[in-house]
Amino acid sequence: MTKNFIFIALFLLAASFVFAGGLLTNTNQSIHFLRNPARDASTQIDAVYTNPAGLVFLSDGFHISLNNQSAFQTRTIPSTFAPFASNGESATKLYTADTKALIVPSLHAAYKKDRYVFSAAFGVEGGGGVATFKQGLPSLEAPVSLIPSALTAKGVKTSTYSLDQYMEGKQYIFGLQLNGSYKITEHISGAVGLRVNIVSNTYKGHLTNIMINPVHPSLNPLGTMMSASTFFGNASKASTAAANSLNPIVAGGYGSATFNQLVAAGKLTQNQVNQLSAGLGTNVSTMKVSDVQTLYNGASVSYQQKSDATADKYLDSKQSGMGFTPIFSLDYNSDRLNAAVKYEMKSSITLTNKTTVDDTGLYAGGATTPSDIPAYLAVGAEYKLTESWKLSGGYHHFFDSDAKMAKDKQQYINGGINEYLLGTEFEISKMFLLSAGGQITRTGVTDDYQTDMSFSLNSYSIGFGGAVNLTSDLRLNVAYFFTNYSDWTKASANYNGTTVAGTDVYARTNKVFGIGLDYKF
């Protein structure tokens, strides 16, 4: 056991609490998206984010959209690992986490004059939630669960363990975007923009009160539950004492003698030899004194390392960083058809730690971690079947494998995420509008990418809702959006680095409610 083995999963706590979009990108930037995700060719105010070139088809004047989304996610990980059953429970344990964000705001604003549009947007471009693992994680518990069998194998009968673990992670990527749009011809327009991305992550957790019940004649004769760190610490001291007890014999010139020879010479009693054998779990009678002393000194170091590894550990760290995303878009508009393409370049971001407590050795204050936002391509079209009914479709690709991640996790992504979108919108009257749509997401990650702290799943999403024109200039938008994820089963012969086989099943649910107002003047 190394010092930080039981907290190794904390390094991956930069998990993406994404509601819709890529690994680090939220595409659900308005209520318009929630009630119809296929917005890539929008010519309404939400186009500030989805299709800046399409803003030239707004009416002249100021346009503004205020939105809030309330998102709720659950993460469920049934984990099967034989050592979990060492305390009499099932080998399969269930770990759950809730992620919720009651307030995820966004603001879009645009001013159009003739062929020109200047626009701005603010939103949560990535993350936006708090993930709380009240029961901890399998990657944290797995190494602890090995302690009973490891001690039993060394002759110290141990049958159970317990621990107290808690994890909480927050991730927010705030984005401020500015665009300039221009109507090049009667049918073609273009736009360029820049988004400033500000990253703020917070990680808190603890792994404490690791308890075991070793039956040891001198350190714990009754086999009661006791602190693992205390047991290993006492074992280290006992090993040091045993090694030191041999100093007079070595100093007397008998270091190369065997214990049988020393008993025969009356230098030691058989009972003393038996005690030394019991301490190492092997018969030392035919071994040299100097060799046994070396073994005891090594055992002392090893037990102290185990004591340190099982001591209470806490983490309280923040990460921050900034990056810039250049944005380019084109739009083609005819009588019934509007088509658009948008490309967002990669944003290179380096996160810097600001750490209050770090007993893991993984979040040193001032240390840096890469966390790029990948390039993103969106293509979409809208077609008016009638004056009151239109269809829309879109395609997204996130170039995740080209974005630098912590521990080079991007190497475990085959290209990136692909999304396919389809939607429809119908005006019931001048006052009421209904819309609905769906999104299919196909992740590009491989088995090696998936961990209990950061996993990506194939999914489909459905959103629906409507709009009410409260006045000729004021519109109310409401929507509901949910995602159904496909479970991912990851079996490993070396479960979380334990060299023992185990299996995790990653599952997730997602629901988002939204309400917003559009106003023009």
Protein backbone atom coordinates (compact mmCIF):
# COMPACT_ATOMS: atom_id res chain seq x y z
CA MET A 1 0.00 0.00 0.00
CA THR A 2 1.34 3.42 -0.95
CA LYS A 3 0.55 6.52 0.98
CA ASN A 4 -2.18 7.74 -1.35
CA PHE A 5 -3.55 4.48 -2.77
CA ILE A 6 -6.93 4.83 -1.10
CA PHE A 7 -7.50 8.29 -2.56
CA ILE A 8 -6.24 7.74 -6.08
CA ALA A 9 -9.69 8.31 -7.60
CA LEU A 10 -9.67 11.89 -6.36
CA PHE A 11 -7.30 12.73 -9.21
CA LEU A 12 -10.20 12.09 -11.56
CA LEU A 13 -12.69 14.22 -9.68
CA ALA A 14 -12.76 16.75 -12.50
CA ALA A 15 -15.85 14.91 -13.69
CA SER A 16 -18.15 16.51 -16.19
CA PHE A 17 -21.55 17.29 -14.74
CA VAL A 18 -22.89 17.77 -18.25
CA PHE A 19 -26.58 18.17 -18.98
CA ALA A 20 -26.39 18.04 -22.79
CA GLY A 21 -23.42 18.15 -25.10
CA GLY A 22 -19.85 16.89 -25.07
CA LEU A 23 -17.56 15.86 -22.23
CA LEU A 24 -16.87 19.49 -21.25
CA THR A 25 -19.48 21.39 -23.26
CA ASN A 26 -23.07 22.28 -22.40
CA THR A 27 -25.10 22.90 -25.56
CA ASN A 28 -28.34 23.46 -23.64
CA GLN A 29 -27.92 27.22 -23.37
CA SER A 30 -31.59 28.22 -23.60
CA ILE A 31 -35.13 27.02 -23.02
CA HIS A 32 -35.51 27.00 -26.81
CA PHE A 33 -33.04 24.08 -26.83
CA LEU A 34 -34.87 22.19 -24.07
CA ARG A 35 -38.18 22.25 -25.94
CA ASN A 36 -36.48 21.39 -29.25
CA PRO A 37 -32.77 20.46 -29.21
CA ALA A 38 -32.35 20.83 -32.99
CA ARG A 39 -31.54 24.58 -32.87
CA ASP A 40 -28.39 24.72 -35.00
CA ALA A 41 -30.13 26.71 -37.74
CA SER A 42 -32.13 28.98 -35.45
CA THR A 43 -32.82 32.55 -36.53
CA GLN A 44 -34.30 33.54 -33.17
CA ILE A 45 -32.58 35.11 -30.17
CA ASP A 46 -31.09 31.79 -29.00
CA ALA A 47 -28.98 31.89 -32.17
CA VAL A 48 -26.56 34.09 -30.21
CA TYR A 49 -25.16 30.73 -29.08
CA THR A 50 -26.40 28.18 -31.62
CA ASN A 51 -26.07 30.11 -34.91
CA PRO A 52 -24.68 33.67 -34.64
CA ALA A 53 -24.80 34.13 -38.42
CA GLY A 54 -28.57 33.57 -38.33
CA LEU A 55 -29.15 36.62 -36.14
CA VAL A 56 -29.26 38.86 -39.24
CA PHE A 57 -32.82 37.64 -39.81
CA LEU A 58 -34.07 39.16 -36.55
CA SER A 59 -36.08 42.35 -36.74
CA ASP A 60 -34.16 45.59 -36.22
CA GLY A 61 -33.71 46.64 -32.60
CA PHE A 62 -32.73 45.07 -29.28
CA HIS A 63 -33.51 41.46 -28.40
CA ILE A 64 -32.89 39.79 -25.07
CA SER A 65 -33.52 36.33 -23.62
CA LEU A 66 -33.33 35.40 -19.93
CA ASN A 67 -33.29 31.69 -19.09
CA ASN A 68 -33.00 29.44 -16.07
CA GLN A 69 -32.70 25.67 -15.97
CA SER A 70 -33.03 23.34 -13.00
CA ALA A 71 -31.17 20.09 -13.60
CA PHE A 72 -31.23 16.84 -11.63
CA GLN A 73 -28.93 13.88 -12.24
CA THR A 74 -28.38 10.57 -10.50
CA ARG A 75 -25.32 8.37 -10.88
CA THR A 76 -25.54 4.73 -9.92
CA ILE A 77 -22.63 2.30 -9.81
CA PRO A 78 -23.29 -1.34 -8.83
CA SER A 79 -19.82 -2.74 -8.15
CA THR A 80 -18.98 -6.42 -7.82
CA PHE A 81 -15.70 -7.19 -6.06
CA ALA A 82 -15.19 -10.35 -4.02
CA PRO A 83 -13.30 -8.70 -1.11
CA PHE A 84 -16.37 -6.51 -0.43
CA ALA A 85 -17.91 -9.68 1.04
CA SER A 86 -15.14 -10.11 3.61
CA ASN A 87 -17.28 -8.43 6.26
CA GLY A 88 -20.25 -10.73 5.68
CA GLU A 89 -22.01 -8.52 3.14
CA SER A 90 -22.65 -9.09 -0.55
CA ALA A 91 -19.78 -8.93 -3.04
CA THR A 92 -21.93 -6.43 -4.95
CA LYS A 93 -22.34 -2.97 -3.45
CA LEU A 94 -24.34 -0.02 -4.75
CA TYR A 95 -22.81 3.45 -4.87
CA THR A 96 -24.99 6.43 -5.75
CA ALA A 97 -24.54 10.16 -6.21
CA ASP A 98 -26.97 12.97 -6.79
CA THR A 99 -26.10 15.97 -8.93
CA LYS A 100 -28.43 18.91 -8.82
CA ALA A 101 -28.32 22.50 -9.96
CA LEU A 102 -31.45 24.48 -9.21
CA ILE A 103 -30.17 27.61 -10.90
CA VAL A 104 -28.32 27.38 -14.21
CA PRO A 105 -28.83 30.81 -15.79
CA SER A 106 -28.09 32.07 -19.27
CA LEU A 107 -28.48 35.44 -20.97
CA HIS A 108 -28.59 36.22 -24.69
CA ALA A 109 -28.72 39.74 -26.07
CA ALA A 110 -28.50 41.14 -29.60
CA TYR A 111 -28.80 44.46 -31.38
CA LYS A 112 -29.61 44.42 -35.10
CA LYS A 113 -29.39 47.35 -37.50
CA ASP A 114 -29.83 46.74 -41.21
CA ARG A 115 -27.19 44.15 -42.21
CA TYR A 116 -25.27 44.18 -38.92
CA VAL A 117 -25.81 42.42 -35.59
CA PHE A 118 -23.80 42.70 -32.40
CA SER A 119 -24.61 40.09 -29.76
CA ALA A 120 -23.47 38.79 -26.41
CA ALA A 121 -24.19 35.78 -24.23
CA PHE A 122 -23.43 34.56 -20.73
CA GLY A 123 -23.97 31.02 -19.52
CA VAL A 124 -22.59 27.94 -17.86
CA GLU A 125 -20.67 26.46 -20.79
CA GLY A 126 -19.62 23.34 -18.92
CA GLY A 127 -20.39 21.58 -15.65
CA GLY A 128 -22.92 23.43 -13.57
CA GLY A 129 -23.65 20.98 -10.78
CA VAL A 130 -22.65 19.51 -7.44
CA ALA A 131 -21.99 15.76 -7.30
CA THR A 132 -22.21 14.23 -3.82
CA PHE A 133 -21.10 10.66 -3.16
CA LYS A 134 -22.31 10.15 0.40
CA GLN A 135 -21.27 6.49 0.44
CA GLY A 136 -18.00 7.24 -1.29
CA LEU A 137 -16.76 5.31 -4.32
CA PRO A 138 -15.77 1.74 -5.14
CA SER A 139 -12.30 2.88 -6.20
CA LEU A 140 -11.76 4.22 -2.68
CA GLU A 141 -13.17 1.19 -0.87
CA ALA A 142 -11.61 -1.58 -2.97
CA PRO A 143 -8.03 -1.27 -1.59
CA VAL A 144 -9.38 -1.09 1.98
CA SER A 145 -11.42 -4.26 1.46
CA LEU A 146 -8.21 -6.18 0.70
CA ILE A 147 -6.80 -5.64 4.20
CA PRO A 148 -8.60 -8.58 5.92
CA SER A 149 -7.48 -11.19 3.35
CA ALA A 150 -3.94 -9.76 3.23
CA LEU A 151 -3.56 -10.02 7.01
CA THR A 152 -5.17 -13.46 7.15
CA ALA A 153 -2.71 -14.69 4.52
CA LYS A 154 0.12 -13.58 6.84
CA GLY A 155 -1.33 -15.54 9.75
CA VAL A 156 -3.24 -12.67 11.40
CA LYS A 157 -6.88 -13.77 11.13
CA THR A 158 -9.00 -10.79 10.10
CA SER A 159 -12.59 -11.10 8.89
CA THR A 160 -14.07 -7.63 8.51
CA TYR A 161 -13.47 -3.94 7.89
CA SER A 162 -15.37 -0.66 7.95
CA LEU A 163 -14.72 2.88 6.81
CA ASP A 164 -16.26 6.33 6.51
CA GLN A 165 -15.95 7.98 3.09
CA TYR A 166 -17.50 11.05 1.47
CA MET A 167 -16.90 12.86 -1.80
CA GLU A 168 -18.21 16.12 -3.22
CA GLY A 169 -17.25 17.78 -6.47
CA LYS A 170 -18.34 21.05 -8.07
CA GLN A 171 -17.47 22.12 -11.58
CA TYR A 172 -18.43 25.30 -13.39
CA ILE A 173 -17.21 26.69 -16.70
CA PHE A 174 -18.66 30.19 -17.09
CA GLY A 175 -18.67 31.60 -20.59
CA LEU A 176 -18.94 35.20 -21.82
CA GLN A 177 -19.40 35.36 -25.59
CA LEU A 178 -19.32 38.31 -28.03
CA ASN A 179 -20.31 38.04 -31.72
CA GLY A 180 -20.42 40.20 -34.78
CA SER A 181 -22.75 39.13 -37.62
CA TYR A 182 -23.11 40.48 -41.16
CA LYS A 183 -25.57 39.80 -43.98
CA ILE A 184 -23.26 39.26 -46.97
CA THR A 185 -25.96 38.75 -49.61
CA GLU A 186 -29.71 38.39 -49.57
CA HIS A 187 -29.33 34.70 -48.69
CA ILE A 188 -25.90 34.33 -47.04
CA SER A 189 -24.60 35.71 -43.76
CA GLY A 190 -21.57 35.15 -41.60
CA ALA A 191 -20.41 35.76 -38.03
CA VAL A 192 -17.28 35.67 -35.93
CA GLY A 193 -17.16 35.55 -32.16
CA LEU A 194 -15.04 34.95 -29.11
CA ARG A 195 -15.93 33.28 -25.86
CA VAL A 196 -14.01 33.72 -22.61
CA ASN A 197 -14.18 30.55 -20.50
CA ILE A 198 -13.62 30.82 -16.75
CA VAL A 199 -13.25 27.52 -14.91
CA SER A 200 -13.97 27.08 -11.20
CA ASN A 201 -13.80 23.61 -9.60
CA THR A 202 -14.06 22.63 -5.94
CA TYR A 203 -13.26 19.20 -4.48
CA LYS A 204 -13.95 18.10 -0.91
CA GLY A 205 -13.77 14.66 0.63
CA HIS A 206 -12.58 12.43 3.40
CA LEU A 207 -11.70 8.81 4.02
CA THR A 208 -11.62 8.18 7.74
CA ASN A 209 -12.16 5.62 10.50
CA ILE A 210 -10.77 2.59 8.67
CA MET A 211 -11.39 -0.22 11.16
CA ILE A 212 -10.39 -3.93 11.15
CA ASN A 213 -10.58 -6.87 13.59
CA PRO A 214 -7.18 -8.63 13.49
CA VAL A 215 -6.64 -11.44 15.98
CA HIS A 216 -3.08 -10.93 17.21
CA PRO A 217 -1.73 -12.45 20.46
CA SER A 218 -0.09 -9.24 21.66
CA LEU A 219 -1.53 -6.38 19.58
CA ASN A 220 -5.24 -7.37 19.63
CA PRO A 221 -5.76 -10.74 21.39
CA LEU A 222 -9.58 -10.53 21.48
CA GLY A 223 -9.92 -9.62 17.81
CA THR A 224 -12.07 -6.56 18.48
CA MET A 225 -12.58 -3.82 15.90
CA MET A 226 -9.76 -1.33 16.05
CA SER A 227 -8.19 1.40 13.96
CA ALA A 228 -6.22 -0.08 11.06
CA SER A 229 -3.73 2.75 11.31
CA THR A 230 -3.22 2.06 15.03
CA PHE A 231 -2.78 -1.68 14.45
CA PHE A 232 -0.19 -1.21 11.72
CA GLY A 233 1.55 1.50 13.75
CA ASN A 234 1.81 -0.80 16.76
CA ALA A 235 3.03 -3.61 14.49
CA SER A 236 5.75 -1.29 13.21
CA LYS A 237 6.86 -0.47 16.75
CA ALA A 238 6.84 -4.15 17.71
CA SER A 239 8.95 -5.01 14.66
CA THR A 240 11.45 -2.30 15.55
CA ALA A 241 11.63 -3.61 19.12
CA ALA A 242 12.20 -7.17 17.86
CA ALA A 243 14.98 -6.00 15.54
CA ASN A 244 16.61 -3.99 18.36
CA SER A 245 16.42 -6.99 20.71
CA LEU A 246 18.91 -8.75 18.44
CA ASN A 247 21.48 -5.93 18.63
CA PRO A 248 23.41 -7.42 21.59
CA ILE A 249 23.69 -10.76 19.79
CA VAL A 250 24.93 -9.16 16.57
CA ALA A 251 27.29 -6.91 18.56
CA GLY A 252 28.63 -10.01 20.30
CA GLY A 253 29.72 -11.44 16.98
CA TYR A 254 26.89 -13.93 16.49
CA GLY A 255 25.17 -12.24 13.54
CA SER A 256 26.05 -15.08 11.17
CA ALA A 257 24.89 -17.78 13.58
CA THR A 258 21.54 -19.53 13.24
CA PHE A 259 18.98 -19.49 16.01
CA ASN A 260 19.31 -23.28 16.45
CA GLN A 261 23.01 -22.74 17.13
CA LEU A 262 22.25 -19.97 19.64
CA VAL A 263 19.70 -22.12 21.47
CA ALA A 264 22.22 -24.97 21.62
CA ALA A 265 24.85 -22.55 22.96
CA GLY A 266 22.44 -21.21 25.59
CA LYS A 267 22.44 -17.70 24.14
CA LEU A 268 18.68 -17.78 23.50
CA THR A 269 15.75 -19.85 24.69
CA GLN A 270 13.46 -21.78 22.37
CA ASN A 271 10.57 -19.64 23.60
CA GLN A 272 12.38 -16.49 22.41
CA VAL A 273 12.95 -18.07 19.00
CA ASN A 274 9.29 -19.06 18.82
CA GLN A 275 8.25 -15.50 19.53
CA LEU A 276 10.54 -14.19 16.79
CA SER A 277 9.08 -16.77 14.39
CA ALA A 278 5.51 -15.78 15.28
CA GLY A 279 6.28 -12.13 14.64
CA LEU A 280 7.41 -12.83 11.07
CA GLY A 281 4.95 -15.64 10.39
CA THR A 282 7.77 -18.05 9.49
CA ASN A 283 10.13 -20.43 11.32
CA VAL A 284 13.43 -18.62 11.85
CA SER A 285 15.26 -21.52 13.59
CA THR A 286 17.60 -22.19 10.68
CA MET A 287 18.00 -18.55 9.65
CA LYS A 288 20.92 -16.27 10.45
CA VAL A 289 20.38 -13.64 13.14
CA SER A 290 21.45 -10.79 10.84
CA ASP A 291 18.96 -11.92 8.17
CA VAL A 292 16.10 -12.01 10.67
CA GLN A 293 17.04 -8.58 11.98
CA THR A 294 16.95 -7.25 8.40
CA LEU A 295 13.49 -8.79 7.91
CA TYR A 296 12.19 -7.16 11.08
CA ASN A 297 13.56 -3.74 10.09
CA GLY A 298 11.92 -4.12 6.68
CA ALA A 299 8.65 -5.16 8.31
CA SER A 300 8.79 -2.09 10.53
CA VAL A 301 9.06 0.19 7.48
CA SER A 302 6.29 -1.69 5.65
CA TYR A 303 3.91 -1.57 8.60
CA GLN A 304 4.53 2.15 9.06
CA GLN A 305 3.68 2.73 5.40
CA LYS A 306 0.43 0.81 5.91
CA SER A 307 -0.28 2.87 9.02
CA ASP A 308 0.18 6.08 7.03
CA ALA A 309 -1.95 4.76 4.17
CA THR A 310 -4.87 3.87 6.43
CA ALA A 311 -4.74 7.05 8.53
CA ASP A 312 -7.57 9.59 8.22
CA LYS A 313 -7.33 11.59 5.00
CA TYR A 314 -9.00 14.85 3.99
CA LEU A 315 -9.14 16.93 0.84
CA ASP A 316 -10.25 20.52 0.30
CA SER A 317 -8.99 21.97 -2.95
CA LYS A 318 -10.05 24.43 -5.62
CA GLN A 319 -8.97 24.72 -9.25
CA SER A 320 -9.25 27.70 -11.53
CA GLY A 321 -8.26 28.55 -15.08
CA MET A 322 -9.19 30.56 -18.17
CA GLY A 323 -9.28 29.99 -21.92
CA PHE A 324 -10.58 31.56 -25.13
CA THR A 325 -12.75 30.03 -27.86
CA PRO A 326 -12.85 31.63 -31.35
CA ILE A 327 -16.20 30.98 -33.08
CA PHE A 328 -17.10 31.09 -36.79
CA SER A 329 -20.50 30.54 -38.42
CA LEU A 330 -22.23 30.76 -41.80
CA ASP A 331 -25.92 30.78 -42.62
CA TYR A 332 -27.91 30.26 -45.81
CA ASN A 333 -31.53 31.38 -45.94
CA SER A 334 -34.15 30.98 -48.64
CA ASP A 335 -37.92 31.16 -48.68
CA ARG A 336 -38.52 27.96 -46.65
CA LEU A 337 -35.04 26.62 -45.89
CA ASN A 338 -32.45 27.89 -43.46
CA ALA A 339 -29.14 26.03 -43.16
CA ALA A 340 -26.16 26.83 -40.96
CA VAL A 341 -22.74 25.64 -39.88
CA LYS A 342 -20.76 26.69 -36.79
CA TYR A 343 -17.22 25.82 -35.73
CA GLU A 344 -15.77 26.52 -32.30
CA MET A 345 -12.01 26.16 -32.00
CA LYS A 346 -10.31 24.35 -29.14
CA SER A 347 -9.83 26.35 -25.96
CA SER A 348 -6.53 25.53 -24.24
CA ILE A 349 -6.96 25.73 -20.47
CA THR A 350 -4.55 25.00 -17.63
CA LEU A 351 -6.06 24.63 -14.15
CA THR A 352 -4.10 25.74 -11.08
CA ASN A 353 -4.67 24.23 -7.63
CA LYS A 354 -5.43 26.32 -4.57
CA THR A 355 -5.36 23.75 -1.78
CA THR A 356 -6.36 24.11 1.86
CA VAL A 357 -5.95 20.46 2.88
CA ASP A 358 -4.49 17.63 0.81
CA ASP A 359 -3.61 14.40 2.62
CA THR A 360 -3.62 12.58 -0.73
CA GLY A 361 -0.51 14.14 -2.22
CA LEU A 362 -2.41 14.61 -5.48
CA TYR A 363 -3.54 18.24 -5.30
CA ALA A 364 -0.42 20.13 -4.30
CA GLY A 365 -0.96 23.85 -3.99
CA GLY A 366 0.08 25.69 -7.15
CA ALA A 367 0.27 22.52 -9.27
CA THR A 368 -1.29 22.67 -12.74
CA THR A 369 -3.51 20.31 -14.76
CA PRO A 370 -4.55 20.53 -18.45
CA SER A 371 -8.30 20.71 -19.08
CA ASP A 372 -8.92 21.87 -22.65
CA ILE A 373 -12.39 22.49 -24.05
CA PRO A 374 -12.49 20.58 -27.36
CA ALA A 375 -13.24 22.02 -30.78
CA TYR A 376 -16.90 21.68 -31.75
CA LEU A 377 -18.62 21.46 -35.15
CA ALA A 378 -22.39 21.99 -35.51
CA VAL A 379 -24.39 21.68 -38.73
CA GLY A 380 -28.13 22.24 -38.91
CA ALA A 381 -31.16 23.08 -41.04
CA GLU A 382 -34.76 24.22 -40.62
CA TYR A 383 -37.50 23.76 -43.21
CA LYS A 384 -40.96 25.32 -43.19
CA LEU A 385 -43.57 22.78 -44.21
CA THR A 386 -46.23 25.47 -43.83
CA GLU A 387 -46.26 28.99 -42.42
CA SER A 388 -47.03 27.54 -38.97
CA TRP A 389 -45.14 24.25 -39.00
CA LYS A 390 -41.42 23.56 -39.47
CA LEU A 391 -38.95 20.71 -39.06
CA SER A 392 -35.35 21.00 -37.93
CA GLY A 393 -32.32 18.75 -37.77
CA GLY A 394 -28.68 18.92 -36.77
CA TYR A 395 -25.38 17.17 -36.23
CA HIS A 396 -22.68 17.86 -33.62
CA HIS A 397 -19.14 16.57 -33.38
CA PHE A 398 -16.82 17.26 -30.45
CA PHE A 399 -13.11 16.74 -31.16
CA ASP A 400 -12.44 15.37 -27.67
CA SER A 401 -9.42 13.25 -28.59
CA ASP A 402 -7.54 16.44 -29.56
CA ALA A 403 -8.19 18.21 -26.25
CA LYS A 404 -5.56 17.81 -23.56
CA MET A 405 -6.91 16.24 -20.34
CA ALA A 406 -5.55 15.27 -16.94
CA LYS A 407 -3.35 12.16 -17.12
CA ASP A 408 -3.70 12.26 -20.94
CA LYS A 409 -7.16 10.70 -20.79
CA GLN A 410 -7.83 12.01 -24.30
CA GLN A 411 -5.83 9.05 -25.63
CA TYR A 412 -8.73 6.80 -24.57
CA ILE A 413 -11.22 8.58 -26.86
CA ASN A 414 -11.78 7.42 -30.43
CA GLY A 415 -12.29 10.76 -32.15
CA GLY A 416 -14.98 12.30 -29.99
CA ILE A 417 -18.68 12.52 -29.28
CA ASN A 418 -21.25 12.58 -32.10
CA GLU A 419 -24.80 13.89 -31.70
CA TYR A 420 -27.78 13.65 -34.06
CA LEU A 421 -30.77 15.95 -33.54
CA LEU A 422 -34.30 16.22 -34.91
CA GLY A 423 -37.17 18.48 -33.90
CA THR A 424 -40.36 20.20 -34.88
CA GLU A 425 -42.22 23.39 -34.02
CA PHE A 426 -45.89 24.23 -34.56
CA GLU A 427 -47.68 27.54 -34.05
CA ILE A 428 -51.16 26.80 -32.78
CA SER A 429 -52.04 30.46 -32.98
CA LYS A 430 -50.39 33.86 -32.80
CA MET A 431 -50.29 33.38 -29.05
CA PHE A 432 -49.31 29.72 -28.54
CA LEU A 433 -46.50 27.57 -29.92
CA LEU A 434 -45.57 23.94 -29.23
CA SER A 435 -42.28 22.23 -29.99
CA ALA A 436 -40.52 18.94 -29.36
CA GLY A 437 -37.37 17.17 -30.41
CA GLY A 438 -34.76 14.58 -29.65
CA GLN A 439 -31.04 14.02 -29.56
CA ILE A 440 -29.05 10.80 -29.95
CA THR A 441 -25.57 10.89 -28.43
CA ARG A 442 -22.85 8.38 -29.27
CA THR A 443 -19.80 8.64 -27.07
CA GLY A 444 -16.35 7.98 -28.46
CA VAL A 445 -14.72 6.90 -25.21
CA THR A 446 -13.16 3.50 -24.63
CA ASP A 447 -13.18 1.21 -21.60
CA ASP A 448 -9.90 2.70 -20.37
CA TYR A 449 -11.48 6.17 -20.19
CA GLN A 450 -14.30 5.11 -17.88
CA THR A 451 -13.90 5.49 -14.11
CA ASP A 452 -16.36 5.77 -11.26
CA MET A 453 -15.60 9.51 -11.09
CA SER A 454 -15.74 10.32 -14.79
CA PHE A 455 -17.70 8.29 -17.31
CA SER A 456 -19.45 9.00 -20.60
CA LEU A 457 -22.47 7.00 -21.83
CA ASN A 458 -24.45 6.60 -25.02
CA SER A 459 -27.87 8.17 -24.66
CA TYR A 460 -30.97 9.60 -26.22
CA SER A 461 -32.71 12.75 -25.04
CA ILE A 462 -36.21 14.09 -25.56
CA GLY A 463 -37.33 17.64 -24.94
CA PHE A 464 -40.69 19.30 -25.31
CA GLY A 465 -42.47 22.45 -24.27
CA GLY A 466 -43.97 25.58 -25.63
CA ALA A 467 -44.04 29.33 -25.83
CA VAL A 468 -46.71 31.88 -24.99
CA ASN A 469 -46.68 35.35 -26.55
CA LEU A 470 -47.74 37.37 -23.52
CA THR A 471 -47.58 40.54 -25.63
CA SER A 472 -46.34 41.30 -29.13
CA ASP A 473 -42.85 41.89 -27.68
CA LEU A 474 -42.72 39.44 -24.74
CA ARG A 475 -42.63 35.65 -24.97
CA LEU A 476 -42.61 33.06 -22.17
CA ASN A 477 -40.78 29.76 -22.82
CA VAL A 478 -41.23 26.61 -20.72
CA ALA A 479 -39.78 23.15 -21.30
CA TYR A 480 -38.92 19.73 -19.91
CA PHE A 481 -35.92 17.72 -21.09
CA PHE A 482 -34.82 14.24 -20.05
CA THR A 483 -32.03 11.87 -21.05
CA ASN A 484 -32.03 8.08 -21.03
CA TYR A 485 -28.52 6.61 -20.78
CA SER A 486 -27.26 3.17 -21.77
CA ASP A 487 -25.45 1.34 -18.97
CA TRP A 488 -21.73 0.68 -19.43
CA THR A 489 -20.25 -2.46 -17.88
CA LYS A 490 -16.52 -2.42 -17.22
CA ALA A 491 -14.92 -5.67 -16.11
CA SER A 492 -11.29 -5.67 -15.06
CA ALA A 493 -8.81 -8.34 -14.01
CA ASN A 494 -6.97 -5.61 -12.09
CA TYR A 495 -9.86 -3.82 -10.42
CA ASN A 496 -8.72 -0.32 -9.40
CA GLY A 497 -5.11 -1.48 -9.29
CA THR A 498 -5.77 -4.26 -6.74
CA THR A 499 -4.70 -7.19 -9.02
CA VAL A 500 -8.08 -8.78 -8.17
CA ALA A 501 -10.92 -9.06 -10.69
CA GLY A 502 -13.96 -6.80 -10.36
CA THR A 503 -16.77 -5.19 -12.33
CA ASP A 504 -18.47 -1.78 -12.32
CA VAL A 505 -21.71 -0.88 -14.08
CA TYR A 506 -22.01 2.84 -14.79
CA ALA A 507 -25.53 4.26 -15.01
CA ARG A 508 -27.06 7.73 -15.00
CA THR A 509 -30.34 9.62 -15.25
CA ASN A 510 -30.93 13.26 -16.17
CA LYS A 511 -33.92 15.62 -15.97
CA VAL A 512 -34.02 19.34 -16.69
CA PHE A 513 -36.83 21.87 -16.22
CA GLY A 514 -36.59 25.29 -17.82
CA ILE A 515 -38.33 28.63 -17.94
CA GLY A 516 -37.33 31.81 -19.78
CA LEU A 517 -38.44 35.13 -21.23
CA ASP A 518 -37.69 36.65 -24.64
CA TYR A 519 -38.17 40.41 -25.07
CA LYS A 520 -37.63 42.69 -28.04
CA PHE A 521 -37.74 46.48 -28.16
